[in-house]
Amino acid sequence: MTQTTLPLEEERATLSPLSKLSLPKDKDLPPIIREVVTNAPANRKVPAFVACLSPLCALSTRVRLNYYYDTRPSALLLQVIIQGAQSSGKSFAADIESLIMNNTLKEHDRNMRRQEQEYRELKKRRKANEKLDEEPQTTIRVVPATISKTVLTKRADMFQRIHGDTLSFWMFAEELAQVTDAGKAGYSNLRTIMRTAYDLGSLFGLDFASDNSYSAIVDINVCSMFCATPAAVDEYFDKKAIEGGNITRCILCPLDESIGEDGAIFTPYTPQQHKVIADTLQQLMAATYTADGLLQPTINLDMSWLDKTVCHWCKTKGLEASKNGNIALDVFRKRSSVSAFRVAALCYYLYKLDKTDEQVAQKRARQIYLYMAEYILESLLNRWGKRFMKANNQREQENQPEARPQLFDALPDVFTREQLRLQISNQGLVTSERNFIYVWKKQKLIELIDKNTFKKR
């Protein structure tokens, strides 16, 4: 792609630390996010913004976009962690999740789950040898964090079988410990799936011989939001998760709480705000399903106008990493930019639904990208930077080839059999000195002075 020079004010913005950046004003945010953040107290505005992102991405499952550094299309897939101490008021995230999901995906799934439950009950009541109708084909999208890999694979495969395409799952838990506890059983350990679930087109497969299991190779896409204490985050993102890439795929949102501070209270929504939220949610669902329940075509969102900003930010952070030798910064910057790009794309999509002027929408979405790229990167570095660097340094030291001296070079120009025997022992070799002397004489590397003394040629 052709590179062009950024406007001066934009170049300065990409070089600014997070403290000098900001999100657009509350009234300038896209619909739904605007209403939520406007009603949030000052110390919860950014967390409220972040808590809106993943559920709205799950609803925007038909959107496709091209990221500057990727060769294949992307989808709006985000994984969010709301981290706060006990009784720090993380429940606001659950309220936002309910606001967005209760009358959309949860309502859609409610009917589907009812069909599944009625079939199970009918199966229990059937008489011996009584034939049943075929099991209902359902497309469940809201899944618990404790779901097994087999069930998740089956549900993802049903998207393909019924609709002929993939859809995003929505996963929410008010306690990340649920995910960790479930993961102790291998069948519910979703760490690997959550890595592939971050990227459209990354396949996961199960292949069993048993008729009672389910085998398929599927594209599992998950948008998730988990609330957690710092200890729960440490337990979930263990050493394997830190080194394996789980942390870089998440947006960590730490809640800042001062000692003695009162709880955060959100203002109730006005009837007008409720109408804006309901209308926008209806638009998002209508962009996914037709009135007959069929799947709508994909929406190709042109984000090429943001490419220069993305490229400049990534290169600026890469240069900073190379100057300081900061491997964590170099690794974390890449997916921080990817997640921030998806956030900006979501907001741009919502602006378009809200009929915002094109230039205004791009300007605000660019501001959101720059803020979120710095926000995500800073959160990752503050939380895991030192541990990532330590693990990386330890692995490099362990994998370095052993610096063992060459036997021939370790000997003086004139050496004895005893000196050769001692070097062989020091280097842990098993070949006898007689064999070495025989080979070296044959290769004319040494000459005989006497039967126990030799000279290098």
Protein backbone atom coordinates (compact mmCIF):
# COMPACT_ATOMS: atom_id res chain seq x y z
CA MET A 1 0.00 0.00 0.00
CA THR A 2 1.15 3.51 -0.72
CA GLN A 3 2.24 5.43 2.35
CA THR A 4 1.38 9.11 2.66
CA THR A 5 2.29 11.65 5.28
CA LEU A 6 -0.13 12.08 8.16
CA PRO A 7 -1.55 15.48 9.04
CA LEU A 8 0.56 17.14 11.72
CA GLU A 9 -2.16 17.07 14.40
CA GLU A 10 -2.79 13.36 13.78
CA GLU A 11 0.93 12.55 13.91
CA ARG A 12 1.17 14.32 17.26
CA ALA A 13 -1.82 12.36 18.52
CA THR A 14 -0.22 9.01 17.67
CA LEU A 15 2.84 10.02 19.65
CA SER A 16 0.86 11.19 22.69
CA PRO A 17 0.69 9.16 25.90
CA LEU A 18 -2.69 7.99 27.16
CA SER A 19 -2.87 10.87 29.66
CA LYS A 20 -3.00 13.35 26.75
CA LEU A 21 -5.60 11.42 24.75
CA SER A 22 -9.33 11.14 25.33
CA LEU A 23 -12.47 9.58 23.97
CA PRO A 24 -14.94 11.87 22.21
CA LYS A 25 -17.28 13.81 24.47
CA ASP A 26 -20.20 11.79 25.81
CA LYS A 27 -22.66 13.41 23.40
CA ASP A 28 -20.32 12.63 20.47
CA LEU A 29 -20.13 8.89 21.10
CA PRO A 30 -22.15 6.49 18.90
CA PRO A 31 -25.69 5.46 19.91
CA ILE A 32 -26.15 3.06 22.83
CA ILE A 33 -22.57 3.74 23.96
CA ARG A 34 -23.50 7.43 24.13
CA GLU A 35 -26.50 6.77 26.35
CA VAL A 36 -24.61 4.41 28.68
CA VAL A 37 -21.52 6.61 29.10
CA THR A 38 -23.57 9.79 29.53
CA ASN A 39 -25.36 8.22 32.51
CA ALA A 40 -22.18 6.83 34.06
CA PRO A 41 -20.43 8.61 36.96
CA ALA A 42 -17.06 10.23 36.23
CA ASN A 43 -14.99 7.31 37.53
CA ARG A 44 -16.90 4.79 35.42
CA LYS A 45 -17.11 6.50 32.03
CA VAL A 46 -14.21 4.65 30.41
CA PRO A 47 -15.17 1.27 31.99
CA ALA A 48 -18.76 1.82 30.85
CA PHE A 49 -17.48 2.51 27.33
CA VAL A 50 -15.39 -0.67 27.39
CA ALA A 51 -18.26 -2.76 28.81
CA CYS A 52 -20.46 -1.82 25.83
CA LEU A 53 -17.98 -2.96 23.21
CA SER A 54 -18.00 -6.75 23.25
CA PRO A 55 -21.79 -7.27 23.45
CA LEU A 56 -22.32 -4.78 20.63
CA CYS A 57 -19.69 -6.60 18.57
CA ALA A 58 -21.56 -9.85 19.13
CA LEU A 59 -24.70 -8.22 17.74
CA SER A 60 -22.74 -6.91 14.72
CA THR A 61 -21.77 -10.41 13.64
CA ARG A 62 -22.32 -9.81 9.91
CA VAL A 63 -19.81 -6.97 9.67
CA ARG A 64 -16.57 -7.72 7.82
CA LEU A 65 -13.52 -5.47 7.57
CA ASN A 66 -9.93 -5.52 6.38
CA TYR A 67 -7.15 -4.72 8.84
CA TYR A 68 -4.05 -3.15 7.31
CA TYR A 69 -1.65 -5.92 8.36
CA ASP A 70 -3.97 -8.90 7.75
CA THR A 71 -4.38 -10.77 4.49
CA ARG A 72 -7.87 -12.13 5.23
CA PRO A 73 -11.09 -10.40 6.33
CA SER A 74 -11.73 -9.72 10.00
CA ALA A 75 -14.90 -9.70 12.10
CA LEU A 76 -15.84 -7.63 15.13
CA LEU A 77 -14.55 -10.02 17.81
CA LEU A 78 -13.48 -8.73 21.23
CA GLN A 79 -12.67 -10.33 24.60
CA VAL A 80 -13.02 -8.01 27.60
CA ILE A 81 -11.98 -8.44 31.23
CA ILE A 82 -13.41 -6.02 33.81
CA GLN A 83 -11.00 -6.25 36.74
CA GLY A 84 -11.76 -4.86 40.18
CA ALA A 85 -11.35 -5.70 43.84
CA GLN A 86 -14.13 -7.38 45.81
CA SER A 87 -17.18 -5.11 46.19
CA SER A 88 -15.74 -2.60 43.73
CA GLY A 89 -18.98 -2.33 41.78
CA LYS A 90 -18.24 -4.60 38.82
CA SER A 91 -21.97 -5.33 38.60
CA PHE A 92 -22.40 -2.27 36.34
CA ALA A 93 -21.02 -4.46 33.55
CA ALA A 94 -23.80 -7.00 34.14
CA ASP A 95 -26.37 -4.20 33.93
CA ILE A 96 -24.93 -3.04 30.59
CA GLU A 97 -24.85 -6.62 29.32
CA SER A 98 -28.51 -7.10 30.25
CA LEU A 99 -29.47 -3.81 28.62
CA ILE A 100 -27.93 -4.88 25.31
CA MET A 101 -28.62 -8.61 25.31
CA ASN A 102 -31.92 -9.29 27.09
CA ASN A 103 -34.21 -8.32 24.21
CA THR A 104 -31.87 -9.32 21.40
CA LEU A 105 -29.73 -12.47 21.46
CA LYS A 106 -31.15 -13.79 24.72
CA GLU A 107 -34.68 -13.42 23.35
CA HIS A 108 -33.60 -15.15 20.14
CA ASP A 109 -32.05 -18.01 22.11
CA ARG A 110 -34.96 -18.31 24.52
CA ASN A 111 -37.17 -19.75 21.79
CA MET A 112 -34.40 -22.01 20.53
CA ARG A 113 -33.64 -23.40 23.99
CA ARG A 114 -37.34 -23.99 24.60
CA GLN A 115 -37.44 -26.20 21.50
CA GLU A 116 -34.43 -28.18 22.75
CA GLN A 117 -35.93 -28.62 26.22
CA GLU A 118 -39.30 -29.75 24.87
CA TYR A 119 -37.55 -32.34 22.70
CA ARG A 120 -35.56 -33.66 25.69
CA GLU A 121 -38.74 -33.93 27.75
CA LEU A 122 -40.54 -35.70 24.92
CA LYS A 123 -37.62 -38.10 24.61
CA LYS A 124 -37.90 -38.97 28.31
CA ARG A 125 -41.65 -39.61 28.08
CA ARG A 126 -41.60 -41.69 24.92
CA LYS A 127 -42.71 -45.30 25.04
CA ALA A 128 -40.42 -48.17 24.14
CA ASN A 129 -39.70 -48.34 20.39
CA GLU A 130 -41.70 -45.14 19.84
CA LYS A 131 -40.21 -43.09 17.02
CA LEU A 132 -39.60 -39.40 17.53
CA ASP A 133 -39.35 -36.60 15.06
CA GLU A 134 -35.85 -35.42 14.23
CA GLU A 135 -34.07 -33.37 16.85
CA PRO A 136 -34.82 -29.66 16.33
CA GLN A 137 -32.07 -27.72 14.58
CA THR A 138 -31.26 -24.67 16.64
CA THR A 139 -28.71 -21.86 16.48
CA ILE A 140 -27.88 -20.94 20.05
CA ARG A 141 -25.53 -17.95 20.33
CA VAL A 142 -25.53 -17.04 24.03
CA VAL A 143 -23.42 -19.68 25.76
CA PRO A 144 -22.24 -20.02 29.37
CA ALA A 145 -18.58 -19.70 30.26
CA THR A 146 -18.71 -23.28 31.57
CA ILE A 147 -19.69 -24.80 28.20
CA SER A 148 -17.77 -27.87 27.09
CA LYS A 149 -15.64 -27.90 23.96
CA THR A 150 -17.88 -30.57 22.43
CA VAL A 151 -21.11 -28.59 22.87
CA LEU A 152 -19.45 -25.39 21.64
CA THR A 153 -18.20 -27.22 18.55
CA LYS A 154 -21.65 -28.67 17.89
CA ARG A 155 -23.34 -25.28 18.23
CA ALA A 156 -20.80 -23.66 15.89
CA ASP A 157 -21.34 -26.44 13.36
CA MET A 158 -25.09 -25.83 13.45
CA PHE A 159 -24.51 -22.26 12.25
CA GLN A 160 -22.83 -23.67 9.16
CA ARG A 161 -25.38 -26.42 8.60
CA ILE A 162 -28.44 -24.20 9.00
CA HIS A 163 -27.24 -20.80 7.76
CA GLY A 164 -24.20 -21.74 5.68
CA ASP A 165 -21.96 -19.29 7.52
CA THR A 166 -20.44 -18.57 10.91
CA LEU A 167 -21.94 -16.40 13.66
CA SER A 168 -20.47 -14.93 16.83
CA PHE A 169 -21.14 -16.51 20.20
CA TRP A 170 -21.74 -14.30 23.23
CA MET A 171 -20.17 -15.38 26.52
CA PHE A 172 -20.53 -13.45 29.78
CA ALA A 173 -19.69 -14.28 33.38
CA GLU A 174 -19.87 -12.08 36.46
CA GLU A 175 -17.11 -14.21 37.98
CA LEU A 176 -14.09 -15.25 35.92
CA ALA A 177 -13.53 -17.98 38.51
CA GLN A 178 -16.39 -19.90 36.79
CA VAL A 179 -14.24 -20.16 33.68
CA THR A 180 -11.13 -21.15 35.64
CA ASP A 181 -12.95 -23.80 37.68
CA ALA A 182 -14.58 -25.27 34.58
CA GLY A 183 -11.22 -25.28 32.81
CA LYS A 184 -9.77 -27.66 35.42
CA ALA A 185 -11.78 -30.33 33.64
CA GLY A 186 -10.10 -30.80 30.28
CA TYR A 187 -13.37 -30.95 28.35
CA SER A 188 -14.23 -27.39 29.44
CA ASN A 189 -10.79 -25.81 29.16
CA LEU A 190 -11.45 -23.12 26.59
CA ARG A 191 -8.03 -21.38 26.58
CA THR A 192 -7.04 -22.74 23.17
CA ILE A 193 -10.48 -22.08 21.70
CA MET A 194 -10.44 -18.51 23.02
CA ARG A 195 -7.23 -17.89 21.07
CA THR A 196 -8.67 -19.12 17.77
CA ALA A 197 -12.04 -17.51 18.59
CA TYR A 198 -10.41 -14.07 18.34
CA ASP A 199 -9.87 -14.39 14.57
CA LEU A 200 -12.37 -15.05 11.82
CA GLY A 201 -11.36 -18.15 9.86
CA SER A 202 -9.22 -19.78 12.59
CA LEU A 203 -10.55 -23.31 12.76
CA PHE A 204 -10.95 -25.64 15.74
CA GLY A 205 -11.73 -29.32 15.40
CA LEU A 206 -12.81 -32.38 17.36
CA ASP A 207 -12.76 -35.89 15.94
CA PHE A 208 -14.16 -38.75 18.04
CA ALA A 209 -14.95 -42.36 17.22
CA SER A 210 -17.87 -42.48 19.68
CA ASP A 211 -21.40 -42.01 18.32
CA ASN A 212 -22.32 -40.26 21.56
CA SER A 213 -19.88 -37.41 20.94
CA TYR A 214 -19.70 -34.81 18.18
CA SER A 215 -16.98 -34.41 15.57
CA ALA A 216 -16.48 -31.37 13.37
CA ILE A 217 -13.93 -28.82 12.23
CA VAL A 218 -15.50 -25.40 12.69
CA ASP A 219 -14.86 -21.68 12.81
CA ILE A 220 -15.68 -20.72 16.40
CA ASN A 221 -15.96 -16.97 16.97
CA VAL A 222 -16.54 -15.66 20.48
CA CYS A 223 -17.20 -12.21 21.90
CA SER A 224 -16.85 -12.33 25.67
CA MET A 225 -16.87 -10.20 28.80
CA PHE A 226 -15.81 -11.49 32.21
CA CYS A 227 -15.72 -9.68 35.54
CA ALA A 228 -12.91 -10.66 37.87
CA THR A 229 -10.84 -9.85 40.91
CA PRO A 230 -7.06 -9.44 40.39
CA ALA A 231 -6.50 -12.87 41.96
CA ALA A 232 -8.96 -14.50 39.54
CA VAL A 233 -7.19 -12.83 36.61
CA ASP A 234 -3.85 -14.19 37.84
CA GLU A 235 -5.29 -17.70 38.09
CA TYR A 236 -6.91 -17.64 34.65
CA PHE A 237 -4.00 -16.01 32.83
CA ASP A 238 -1.31 -18.39 34.05
CA LYS A 239 2.20 -18.73 32.62
CA LYS A 240 0.95 -20.70 29.60
CA ALA A 241 -1.72 -18.08 28.86
CA ILE A 242 0.80 -15.24 29.17
CA GLU A 243 3.26 -16.89 26.81
CA GLY A 244 0.61 -18.46 24.56
CA GLY A 245 -1.11 -15.22 23.57
CA ASN A 246 -4.36 -15.22 25.56
CA ILE A 247 -3.49 -11.94 27.28
CA THR A 248 -2.83 -10.02 24.06
CA ARG A 249 -6.26 -10.98 22.75
CA CYS A 250 -8.09 -9.37 25.65
CA ILE A 251 -8.97 -5.81 26.59
CA LEU A 252 -8.18 -5.49 30.29
CA CYS A 253 -10.22 -2.80 32.03
CA PRO A 254 -8.95 -2.22 35.59
CA LEU A 255 -11.30 -0.34 37.90
CA ASP A 256 -9.55 2.35 39.91
CA GLU A 257 -10.92 2.57 43.43
CA SER A 258 -9.69 4.99 46.08
CA ILE A 259 -9.89 3.86 49.71
CA GLY A 260 -13.12 5.05 51.29
CA GLU A 261 -14.70 6.02 47.97
CA ASP A 262 -18.47 5.63 47.66
CA GLY A 263 -19.95 3.21 45.17
CA ALA A 264 -20.48 4.35 41.58
CA ILE A 265 -24.12 5.19 40.86
CA PHE A 266 -25.44 5.31 37.28
CA THR A 267 -28.25 7.71 36.38
CA PRO A 268 -31.47 5.98 35.20
CA TYR A 269 -32.15 6.17 31.46
CA THR A 270 -34.78 8.59 30.23
CA PRO A 271 -37.62 7.41 27.95
CA GLN A 272 -35.84 9.08 25.02
CA GLN A 273 -32.60 7.23 25.82
CA HIS A 274 -34.49 3.94 26.07
CA LYS A 275 -35.99 4.60 22.65
CA VAL A 276 -32.58 5.30 21.07
CA ILE A 277 -31.16 2.12 22.63
CA ALA A 278 -34.13 -0.03 21.54
CA ASP A 279 -34.17 1.37 18.00
CA THR A 280 -30.44 0.82 17.53
CA LEU A 281 -30.58 -2.71 18.92
CA GLN A 282 -33.44 -3.46 16.52
CA GLN A 283 -31.31 -2.20 13.63
CA LEU A 284 -28.43 -4.46 14.68
CA MET A 285 -30.66 -7.53 14.88
CA ALA A 286 -32.31 -6.67 11.55
CA ALA A 287 -28.83 -6.54 9.98
CA THR A 288 -28.26 -10.12 11.17
CA TYR A 289 -31.59 -11.90 10.55
CA THR A 290 -34.36 -11.42 8.02
CA ALA A 291 -38.01 -11.38 9.13
CA ASP A 292 -38.12 -15.11 8.26
CA GLY A 293 -35.13 -15.89 10.50
CA LEU A 294 -32.68 -16.31 7.63
CA LEU A 295 -29.19 -14.85 7.71
CA GLN A 296 -28.60 -11.44 6.18
CA PRO A 297 -25.66 -10.93 3.75
CA THR A 298 -22.35 -9.83 5.23
CA ILE A 299 -21.67 -6.09 5.52
CA ASN A 300 -18.30 -5.06 4.12
CA LEU A 301 -17.26 -2.02 6.14
CA ASP A 302 -14.66 0.11 4.37
CA MET A 303 -12.08 1.10 7.00
CA SER A 304 -9.24 1.93 4.59
CA TRP A 305 -9.40 5.57 5.69
CA LEU A 306 -7.90 4.47 9.03
CA ASP A 307 -4.96 2.53 7.52
CA LYS A 308 -2.43 5.37 7.69
CA THR A 309 -3.21 6.00 11.36
CA VAL A 310 -2.90 2.29 12.18
CA CYS A 311 0.37 1.95 10.29
CA HIS A 312 1.86 5.06 11.90
CA TRP A 313 0.88 4.06 15.43
CA CYS A 314 2.25 0.52 15.06
CA LYS A 315 5.53 1.73 13.58
CA THR A 316 5.90 4.39 16.29
CA LYS A 317 5.48 1.76 19.03
CA GLY A 318 7.80 -0.64 17.19
CA LEU A 319 10.51 2.02 17.07
CA GLU A 320 10.04 2.70 20.78
CA ALA A 321 10.34 -1.03 21.52
CA SER A 322 13.55 -1.36 19.46
CA LYS A 323 15.14 1.65 21.16
CA ASN A 324 14.45 0.27 24.62
CA GLY A 325 14.79 -3.45 23.87
CA ASN A 326 11.27 -3.93 25.25
CA ILE A 327 10.05 -7.28 23.90
CA ALA A 328 6.72 -6.98 25.75
CA LEU A 329 5.99 -3.64 24.09
CA ASP A 330 6.91 -5.07 20.69
CA VAL A 331 4.59 -8.06 21.12
CA PHE A 332 1.71 -6.31 22.90
CA ARG A 333 1.48 -3.39 20.44
CA LYS A 334 0.35 -5.60 17.57
CA ARG A 335 -2.88 -7.01 18.99
CA SER A 336 -3.51 -3.81 20.96
CA SER A 337 -3.83 -2.16 17.57
CA VAL A 338 -6.03 -4.97 16.22
CA SER A 339 -8.47 -4.71 19.13
CA ALA A 340 -8.48 -0.90 18.97
CA PHE A 341 -9.15 -1.10 15.22
CA ARG A 342 -12.17 -3.35 15.85
CA VAL A 343 -13.44 -0.93 18.51
CA ALA A 344 -13.11 1.97 16.06
CA ALA A 345 -14.85 -0.07 13.34
CA LEU A 346 -17.75 -0.90 15.68
CA CYS A 347 -18.17 2.77 16.57
CA TYR A 348 -17.93 3.81 12.91
CA TYR A 349 -20.62 1.24 12.05
CA LEU A 350 -22.88 2.63 14.80
CA TYR A 351 -22.26 6.18 13.59
CA LYS A 352 -23.39 5.12 10.12
CA LEU A 353 -26.58 3.58 11.56
CA ASP A 354 -27.13 6.89 13.35
CA LYS A 355 -26.73 8.79 10.04
CA THR A 356 -23.71 10.74 11.34
CA ASP A 357 -21.89 12.85 8.75
CA GLU A 358 -19.14 10.76 7.11
CA GLN A 359 -16.24 13.09 7.90
CA VAL A 360 -17.42 13.54 11.48
CA ALA A 361 -17.81 9.77 11.91
CA GLN A 362 -14.30 9.12 10.62
CA LYS A 363 -12.77 11.81 12.82
CA ARG A 364 -14.43 10.49 15.96
CA ALA A 365 -13.66 6.85 15.14
CA ARG A 366 -10.00 7.77 14.53
CA GLN A 367 -9.91 9.46 17.94
CA ILE A 368 -11.40 6.31 19.48
CA TYR A 369 -8.77 4.11 17.78
CA LEU A 370 -5.88 6.23 19.08
CA TYR A 371 -7.24 6.31 22.62
CA MET A 372 -8.08 2.61 22.76
CA ALA A 373 -4.77 1.50 21.21
CA GLU A 374 -2.89 3.34 23.97
CA TYR A 375 -5.38 2.22 26.64
CA ILE A 376 -5.18 -1.48 25.74
CA LEU A 377 -1.39 -1.41 25.40
CA GLU A 378 -0.88 0.40 28.72
CA SER A 379 -3.21 -2.01 30.54
CA LEU A 380 -1.36 -5.04 29.15
CA LEU A 381 2.08 -3.65 29.95
CA ASN A 382 1.10 -2.62 33.48
CA ARG A 383 -0.48 -6.02 34.22
CA TRP A 384 1.79 -8.50 32.44
CA GLY A 385 4.78 -6.66 30.97
CA LYS A 386 7.34 -7.69 33.60
CA ARG A 387 6.15 -11.30 33.73
CA PHE A 388 6.20 -11.59 29.95
CA MET A 389 9.74 -10.18 29.78
CA LYS A 390 10.92 -12.51 32.57
CA ALA A 391 9.38 -15.58 30.91
CA ASN A 392 10.79 -14.58 27.53
CA ASN A 393 14.30 -14.03 28.91
CA GLN A 394 14.20 -17.34 30.78
CA ARG A 395 13.11 -19.23 27.68
CA GLU A 396 15.81 -17.63 25.54
CA GLN A 397 18.50 -18.51 28.06
CA GLU A 398 17.30 -22.10 28.28
CA ASN A 399 17.17 -22.47 24.50
CA GLN A 400 20.60 -21.00 23.82
CA PRO A 401 23.05 -23.60 22.49
CA GLU A 402 25.61 -24.68 25.05
CA ALA A 403 28.90 -22.87 24.49
CA ARG A 404 31.20 -25.89 24.62
CA PRO A 405 34.85 -25.45 23.55
CA GLN A 406 36.11 -27.58 20.70
CA LEU A 407 38.33 -30.37 21.98
CA PHE A 408 41.15 -29.79 19.49
CA ASP A 409 41.16 -26.02 20.01
CA ALA A 410 41.19 -26.44 23.80
CA LEU A 411 44.56 -28.22 23.68
CA PRO A 412 47.91 -26.36 23.63
CA ASP A 413 50.10 -26.46 20.51
CA VAL A 414 52.10 -29.23 22.15
CA PHE A 415 50.10 -31.60 24.30
CA THR A 416 50.40 -34.95 26.02
CA ARG A 417 48.11 -37.96 26.16
CA GLU A 418 47.30 -37.07 29.76
CA GLN A 419 46.27 -33.53 28.79
CA LEU A 420 44.06 -34.90 26.04
CA ARG A 421 42.53 -37.45 28.44
CA LEU A 422 41.78 -34.66 30.95
CA GLN A 423 40.05 -32.47 28.31
CA ILE A 424 37.96 -35.43 27.17
CA SER A 425 36.82 -35.97 30.76
CA ASN A 426 36.11 -32.24 31.37
CA GLN A 427 33.93 -32.02 28.26
CA GLY A 428 31.98 -35.16 29.14
CA LEU A 429 33.05 -37.08 26.02
CA VAL A 430 33.13 -40.87 25.88
CA THR A 431 35.50 -41.46 22.97
CA SER A 432 38.97 -42.59 24.10
CA GLU A 433 42.08 -40.48 23.50
CA ARG A 434 43.51 -43.27 21.28
CA ASN A 435 40.70 -42.81 18.78
CA PHE A 436 41.15 -39.03 18.66
CA ILE A 437 44.90 -39.37 18.14
CA TYR A 438 44.36 -41.93 15.38
CA VAL A 439 41.87 -39.68 13.51
CA TRP A 440 43.96 -36.49 13.93
CA LYS A 441 47.12 -38.22 12.70
CA LYS A 442 45.25 -39.60 9.70
CA GLN A 443 43.91 -36.09 8.91
CA LYS A 444 47.45 -34.73 9.39
CA LEU A 445 46.33 -32.34 12.10
CA ILE A 446 49.10 -33.46 14.48
CA GLU A 447 52.58 -34.96 14.32
CA LEU A 448 54.24 -37.34 16.74
CA ILE A 449 57.02 -36.06 19.02
CA ASP A 450 57.12 -39.22 21.11
CA LYS A 451 54.58 -41.88 21.96
CA ASN A 452 52.93 -39.67 24.61
CA THR A 453 53.56 -36.18 23.17
CA PHE A 454 52.09 -34.54 20.08
CA LYS A 455 52.35 -31.27 18.21
CA LYS A 456 49.65 -29.46 16.22
CA ARG A 457 50.53 -28.75 12.60
